[in-house]
Amino acid sequence: MIAKRLMLYSPKPLFLSLFLLLSFPPKTMAADDMVALLPQVTCGAGWKIEEKPLLYDRDTLSDRINGEAELYFPYGFDRMTAARYASDKQPGAGMDVEIYRMGTPLDAFGIFAVYRQKDGRALNAGAESNLSGSQLFLYQSRYFVQIRITGSNAVDPDALAECARMVTDRMPGDKSRPPELSIFDRPEVIKGTERYLPQSLLGYDFLNRGIMADALAGGTSLQLFLLLRTTAESASHPFERYRSQLAHGKIEHLENGSVFLEGVDPLYGPVIILKKGGCLAGALKFSGEKGVRALLTGICR
C-alpha cells in the first residue's frame, strides 16, 4: 500500500531521485570529493589555479605518470587529482599539485617513503613531509601529495610550504603517523629510514608485507624488518620457509617460547631472525652481532 501511494501521489520526486542516482554514479561523487581537496583559487600567495583540475583512476593514471603508475597499485591506489597553479611573478613558472588517494594511512606512508629524499628536510605539513630542491612530498591520513615547481630555476621553499599547508588543511583525518610504525620508535632505529613494503618483503613472496628500517646496535649498522599482521600460527609458515632458504642455519629455542634463527641469506649475507608468538622480526646486513639479539627482543616485546 505504501509503495502504491508513493507512485500515485509523488511520482515527480520518485522519478527525480532515480534520475539523479543514474546520472551521478558513486565514482563521480567520489571524484568530486577528491577535487575538493585542491585549493580552488590559489595555492599560496602569487600562485593562481590555471585550468580545471584533472582526475585519474587506476585505468588512466599512466596517462599522467607513465612508467610510475605501477608503483602505486600495491599501495591501494584508487584515484588521483591534479591541478597547476601559475606564478604571478615568474612568467612560465608553475606549481603542480598531485593528490593520490591510497588504500590506508600505512599505504600513503609507504608510497611517501618510496619518494622521500635522503637530502630532504621536514616541514610542518601533513603527518610527514620531505622538501628537496623544487619538490615536496608529504602524506596525511590515506592521502599522498606531490608538489613541484616547474618552468623556473629559482627554488622557492616558502611557496612550496605554504601550498602544502593549504592542501593539508583541506584534508580529512589527523596528522599522526600510522600506528604500525610505532614499534620502530626506538633510539636504535635511524629516523627517516622506515619504509613499508606491501608485498614480497626482502623479495620473498612468503614473507608478504612488512616494515623495514636502518638501525645501529652495538656499534654496528644493520637493517631491521618486521612482518605485519601475523599470529603465532601464521608466523610459523614464513619462519620455516625462510629457514629453508638459509645456508648454515641454526635454531635456538628459549625458555619463554621464543626462537632465534641464524644463517646466511643468499642475497643479504648473515641474518638473525626472532620468532616470538605472532611476532617475526629480523636483522641483516650487519658486520657484528653485538646488540642485535637485544634489539630484536625489544621489537618483539
Protein backbone atom coordinates (compact mmCIF):
# COMPACT_ATOMS: atom_id res chain seq x y z
CA MET A 1 0.00 0.00 0.00
CA ILE A 2 2.77 2.45 0.87
CA ALA A 3 4.55 1.80 -2.41
CA LYS A 4 1.30 2.33 -4.36
CA ARG A 5 0.62 5.63 -2.58
CA LEU A 6 4.10 6.85 -3.41
CA MET A 7 3.53 6.06 -7.06
CA LEU A 8 0.10 7.70 -7.04
CA TYR A 9 0.82 10.86 -5.10
CA SER A 10 4.53 11.67 -5.55
CA PRO A 11 5.74 10.49 -8.96
CA LYS A 12 7.93 13.53 -9.61
CA PRO A 13 10.17 13.21 -6.52
CA LEU A 14 10.47 9.47 -7.08
CA PHE A 15 11.48 9.74 -10.72
CA LEU A 16 13.72 12.70 -9.91
CA SER A 17 15.57 10.62 -7.34
CA LEU A 18 16.00 7.77 -9.80
CA PHE A 19 17.27 10.17 -12.43
CA LEU A 20 19.83 11.65 -10.06
CA LEU A 21 21.07 8.23 -8.98
CA LEU A 22 21.53 7.16 -12.58
CA SER A 23 23.10 10.43 -13.66
CA PHE A 24 25.66 10.67 -10.85
CA PRO A 25 27.15 7.27 -10.03
CA PRO A 26 29.18 6.76 -6.83
CA LYS A 27 32.50 7.12 -8.69
CA THR A 28 31.55 10.62 -9.83
CA MET A 29 30.68 11.64 -6.29
CA ALA A 30 33.99 10.28 -5.05
CA ALA A 31 35.78 12.22 -7.78
CA ASP A 32 34.12 15.44 -6.65
CA ASP A 33 35.35 14.75 -3.13
CA MET A 34 38.90 14.46 -4.46
CA VAL A 35 38.71 17.74 -6.38
CA ALA A 36 37.53 19.47 -3.19
CA LEU A 37 40.92 18.69 -1.61
CA LEU A 38 42.64 21.06 -4.04
CA PRO A 39 42.76 24.79 -3.25
CA GLN A 40 40.18 26.17 -5.65
CA VAL A 41 41.65 29.62 -6.43
CA THR A 42 45.22 29.96 -5.18
CA CYS A 43 47.76 27.67 -3.57
CA GLY A 44 49.69 30.30 -1.70
CA ALA A 45 50.29 33.96 -2.40
CA GLY A 46 51.01 34.63 -6.07
CA TRP A 47 50.04 31.17 -7.35
CA LYS A 48 46.66 31.04 -9.13
CA ILE A 49 44.99 27.94 -10.50
CA GLU A 50 45.28 27.74 -14.31
CA GLU A 51 42.67 25.29 -15.53
CA LYS A 52 40.05 22.85 -14.31
CA PRO A 53 41.55 20.13 -12.06
CA LEU A 54 42.20 16.74 -13.66
CA LEU A 55 41.15 13.33 -12.35
CA TYR A 56 42.75 9.92 -12.82
CA ASP A 57 41.89 6.39 -11.71
CA ARG A 58 43.70 3.04 -11.96
CA ASP A 59 42.95 2.82 -15.68
CA THR A 60 44.19 6.31 -16.56
CA LEU A 61 46.96 7.04 -14.04
CA SER A 62 49.63 6.02 -16.56
CA ASP A 63 48.44 8.86 -18.80
CA ARG A 64 49.77 11.24 -16.14
CA ILE A 65 52.81 9.37 -14.82
CA ASN A 66 53.74 6.86 -17.49
CA GLY A 67 56.26 4.36 -16.15
CA GLU A 68 55.49 5.07 -12.49
CA ALA A 69 51.81 4.18 -12.17
CA GLU A 70 52.62 0.56 -11.29
CA LEU A 71 54.42 1.76 -8.16
CA TYR A 72 51.14 2.95 -6.67
CA PHE A 73 48.90 -0.05 -7.23
CA PRO A 74 50.31 -2.34 -4.49
CA TYR A 75 49.64 0.51 -2.05
CA GLY A 76 45.91 0.50 -2.72
CA PHE A 77 45.76 3.49 -5.08
CA ASP A 78 42.26 4.26 -6.30
CA ARG A 79 42.19 7.90 -7.51
CA MET A 80 44.32 10.98 -8.10
CA THR A 81 43.50 14.63 -8.73
CA ALA A 82 45.92 17.24 -10.09
CA ALA A 83 46.00 20.97 -10.71
CA ARG A 84 48.54 23.51 -11.92
CA TYR A 85 48.97 26.93 -10.35
CA ALA A 86 50.68 29.71 -12.33
CA SER A 87 53.03 32.26 -10.81
CA ASP A 88 52.12 35.94 -10.88
CA LYS A 89 55.77 36.98 -10.65
CA GLN A 90 57.56 34.43 -12.85
CA PRO A 91 56.11 34.02 -16.36
CA GLY A 92 56.14 30.37 -17.38
CA ALA A 93 56.62 29.07 -13.86
CA GLY A 94 54.01 26.71 -12.46
CA MET A 95 53.31 24.71 -9.34
CA ASP A 96 51.92 21.24 -9.98
CA VAL A 97 49.92 19.69 -7.15
CA GLU A 98 49.00 15.98 -7.24
CA ILE A 99 46.90 14.29 -4.55
CA TYR A 100 46.78 10.49 -4.53
CA ARG A 101 44.22 8.56 -2.50
CA MET A 102 45.78 5.33 -1.27
CA GLY A 103 44.28 2.32 0.49
CA THR A 104 45.19 3.16 4.10
CA PRO A 105 47.35 5.64 6.03
CA LEU A 106 50.10 2.98 6.07
CA ASP A 107 49.85 2.72 2.27
CA ALA A 108 50.13 6.52 1.98
CA PHE A 109 53.23 6.40 4.17
CA GLY A 110 54.60 3.55 2.06
CA ILE A 111 54.47 5.45 -1.22
CA PHE A 112 55.79 8.56 0.57
CA ALA A 113 58.82 6.53 1.68
CA VAL A 114 59.42 5.49 -1.94
CA TYR A 115 59.84 9.15 -2.98
CA ARG A 116 61.41 10.54 0.21
CA GLN A 117 64.88 12.00 -0.49
CA LYS A 118 67.82 11.46 1.85
CA ASP A 119 68.87 15.08 1.50
CA GLY A 120 65.33 16.36 2.04
CA ARG A 121 64.20 18.27 5.09
CA ALA A 122 60.97 18.06 7.01
CA LEU A 123 58.36 20.81 7.08
CA ASN A 124 55.40 21.37 9.36
CA ALA A 125 52.91 19.91 6.90
CA GLY A 126 50.98 16.65 6.99
CA ALA A 127 51.97 13.63 9.06
CA GLU A 128 55.45 13.74 7.49
CA SER A 129 56.94 15.81 4.71
CA ASN A 130 60.13 15.91 2.68
CA LEU A 131 61.37 19.00 0.82
CA SER A 132 64.18 18.53 -1.67
CA GLY A 133 65.03 21.14 -4.27
CA SER A 134 61.92 22.23 -6.13
CA GLN A 135 59.72 19.34 -4.98
CA LEU A 136 57.85 18.49 -1.82
CA PHE A 137 56.39 15.13 -0.80
CA LEU A 138 54.03 14.55 2.11
CA TYR A 139 51.23 12.35 3.35
CA GLN A 140 48.30 12.72 5.69
CA SER A 141 45.76 10.06 6.56
CA ARG A 142 45.37 7.97 3.37
CA TYR A 143 46.49 10.75 1.01
CA PHE A 144 49.91 11.16 -0.59
CA VAL A 145 50.80 14.55 -2.09
CA GLN A 146 53.45 15.70 -4.54
CA ILE A 147 54.06 19.41 -5.18
CA ARG A 148 56.61 20.57 -7.75
CA ILE A 149 57.67 23.94 -9.15
CA THR A 150 58.49 23.75 -12.85
CA GLY A 151 59.47 26.24 -15.52
CA SER A 152 61.80 28.16 -13.19
CA ASN A 153 65.35 27.75 -11.93
CA ALA A 154 64.54 29.72 -8.79
CA VAL A 155 63.61 27.43 -5.91
CA ASP A 156 61.04 28.89 -3.51
CA PRO A 157 60.71 26.58 -0.50
CA ASP A 158 58.39 29.02 1.27
CA ALA A 159 55.92 28.86 -1.63
CA LEU A 160 56.00 25.06 -1.56
CA ALA A 161 55.46 25.03 2.19
CA GLU A 162 52.56 27.48 2.02
CA CYS A 163 50.83 25.50 -0.71
CA ALA A 164 51.39 22.26 1.22
CA ARG A 165 49.74 23.65 4.34
CA MET A 166 46.76 24.87 2.32
CA VAL A 167 46.34 21.38 0.85
CA THR A 168 46.63 19.51 4.15
CA ASP A 169 44.23 21.91 5.86
CA ARG A 170 41.56 20.69 3.42
CA MET A 171 42.23 17.01 4.05
CA PRO A 172 40.26 14.76 6.39
CA GLY A 173 41.99 12.82 9.13
CA ASP A 174 44.65 13.83 11.63
CA LYS A 175 48.36 14.36 11.17
CA SER A 176 49.57 11.36 13.12
CA ARG A 177 51.82 8.66 11.70
CA PRO A 178 50.33 5.19 11.09
CA PRO A 179 50.29 3.26 14.37
CA GLU A 180 52.11 0.32 12.75
CA LEU A 181 55.28 2.43 12.71
CA SER A 182 55.31 3.00 16.48
CA ILE A 183 57.09 -0.30 17.12
CA PHE A 184 60.17 1.21 15.45
CA ASP A 185 60.12 4.29 17.69
CA ARG A 186 63.36 3.20 19.35
CA PRO A 187 66.70 5.00 19.81
CA GLU A 188 68.49 2.35 17.75
CA VAL A 189 66.33 2.97 14.69
CA ILE A 190 67.52 5.75 12.36
CA LYS A 191 64.59 8.11 11.91
CA GLY A 192 63.51 8.76 8.36
CA THR A 193 64.63 5.34 7.11
CA GLU A 194 61.41 3.44 7.82
CA ARG A 195 59.64 2.02 4.77
CA TYR A 196 56.61 -0.15 4.22
CA LEU A 197 56.51 -2.93 1.64
CA PRO A 198 53.00 -4.25 0.94
CA GLN A 199 54.22 -7.46 -0.65
CA SER A 200 57.30 -9.67 -1.08
CA LEU A 201 59.35 -8.38 1.82
CA LEU A 202 63.07 -8.88 1.08
CA GLY A 203 61.98 -10.15 -2.34
CA TYR A 204 60.42 -13.32 -0.88
CA ASP A 205 56.72 -13.82 -1.59
CA PHE A 206 56.27 -15.98 1.51
CA LEU A 207 57.24 -13.04 3.75
CA ASN A 208 54.35 -10.93 2.41
CA ARG A 209 54.15 -7.36 3.78
CA GLY A 210 56.19 -5.66 6.43
CA ILE A 211 58.20 -2.68 7.62
CA MET A 212 61.95 -2.15 7.25
CA ALA A 213 64.33 0.41 8.73
CA ASP A 214 68.02 1.10 9.20
CA ALA A 215 69.41 0.86 12.71
CA LEU A 216 72.54 0.99 14.86
CA ALA A 217 73.09 -1.62 17.55
CA GLY A 218 76.24 -2.38 19.49
CA GLY A 219 78.26 -0.09 17.25
CA THR A 220 77.24 -1.82 14.02
CA SER A 221 74.81 -0.72 11.34
CA LEU A 222 72.10 -3.08 10.16
CA GLN A 223 68.70 -3.33 8.56
CA LEU A 224 65.62 -4.38 10.50
CA PHE A 225 62.47 -5.97 9.16
CA LEU A 226 59.17 -6.82 10.80
CA LEU A 227 56.36 -8.89 9.32
CA LEU A 228 52.93 -7.30 9.84
CA ARG A 229 49.64 -8.75 10.99
CA THR A 230 50.89 -12.17 11.91
CA THR A 231 49.68 -14.55 14.59
CA ALA A 232 51.58 -17.32 16.32
CA GLU A 233 50.20 -19.73 13.75
CA SER A 234 50.63 -17.58 10.65
CA ALA A 235 54.20 -16.62 11.62
CA SER A 236 55.32 -20.25 11.67
CA HIS A 237 54.96 -20.77 7.92
CA PRO A 238 57.20 -17.87 6.75
CA PHE A 239 59.65 -18.71 9.54
CA GLU A 240 60.07 -22.26 8.26
CA ARG A 241 60.14 -21.14 4.63
CA TYR A 242 62.88 -18.64 5.37
CA ARG A 243 64.78 -21.27 7.32
CA SER A 244 64.84 -23.46 4.21
CA GLN A 245 66.39 -20.58 2.22
CA LEU A 246 69.35 -20.09 4.55
CA ALA A 247 72.74 -21.73 4.48
CA HIS A 248 74.31 -22.83 7.77
CA GLY A 249 71.02 -22.27 9.53
CA LYS A 250 70.81 -22.98 13.22
CA ILE A 251 67.96 -22.62 15.70
CA GLU A 252 67.99 -21.73 19.39
CA HIS A 253 64.87 -22.24 21.50
CA LEU A 254 64.50 -20.01 24.55
CA GLU A 255 62.59 -20.77 27.74
CA ASN A 256 59.92 -18.13 27.03
CA GLY A 257 58.95 -19.87 23.80
CA SER A 258 60.92 -17.54 21.54
CA VAL A 259 63.04 -18.96 18.75
CA PHE A 260 66.16 -17.44 17.23
CA LEU A 261 67.21 -18.46 13.74
CA GLU A 262 70.68 -17.63 12.41
CA GLY A 263 72.05 -18.32 8.97
CA VAL A 264 73.29 -16.89 5.70
CA ASP A 265 70.81 -15.47 3.24
CA PRO A 266 71.94 -15.97 -0.39
CA LEU A 267 71.07 -12.33 -1.17
CA TYR A 268 71.86 -10.47 2.06
CA GLY A 269 74.51 -12.48 3.87
CA PRO A 270 74.25 -13.20 7.63
CA VAL A 271 70.79 -12.83 9.18
CA ILE A 272 69.29 -13.25 12.61
CA ILE A 273 65.54 -13.82 12.95
CA LEU A 274 63.39 -13.88 16.07
CA LYS A 275 60.00 -15.53 16.26
CA LYS A 276 58.11 -14.76 19.44
CA GLY A 277 54.43 -15.64 19.43
CA GLY A 278 52.93 -13.75 16.49
CA CYS A 279 55.96 -11.50 16.05
CA LEU A 280 58.51 -12.26 13.35
CA ALA A 281 61.41 -9.81 13.13
CA GLY A 282 64.88 -10.00 11.68
CA ALA A 283 68.19 -8.24 11.17
CA LEU A 284 70.52 -8.36 8.19
CA LYS A 285 73.46 -6.55 6.58
CA PHE A 286 75.33 -6.31 9.90
CA SER A 287 79.06 -6.69 10.44
CA GLY A 288 78.84 -7.78 14.07
CA GLU A 289 76.22 -9.49 16.20
CA LYS A 290 76.66 -7.40 19.35
CA GLY A 291 73.35 -5.89 20.40
CA VAL A 292 71.37 -7.43 17.53
CA ARG A 293 69.52 -10.02 19.60
CA ALA A 294 68.65 -7.47 22.27
CA LEU A 295 67.25 -5.13 19.61
CA LEU A 296 65.10 -7.88 18.09
CA THR A 297 63.86 -8.83 21.55
CA GLY A 298 62.85 -5.20 22.08
CA ILE A 299 60.98 -5.18 18.75
CA CYS A 300 59.09 -8.36 19.64
CA ARG A 301 58.30 -7.24 23.18
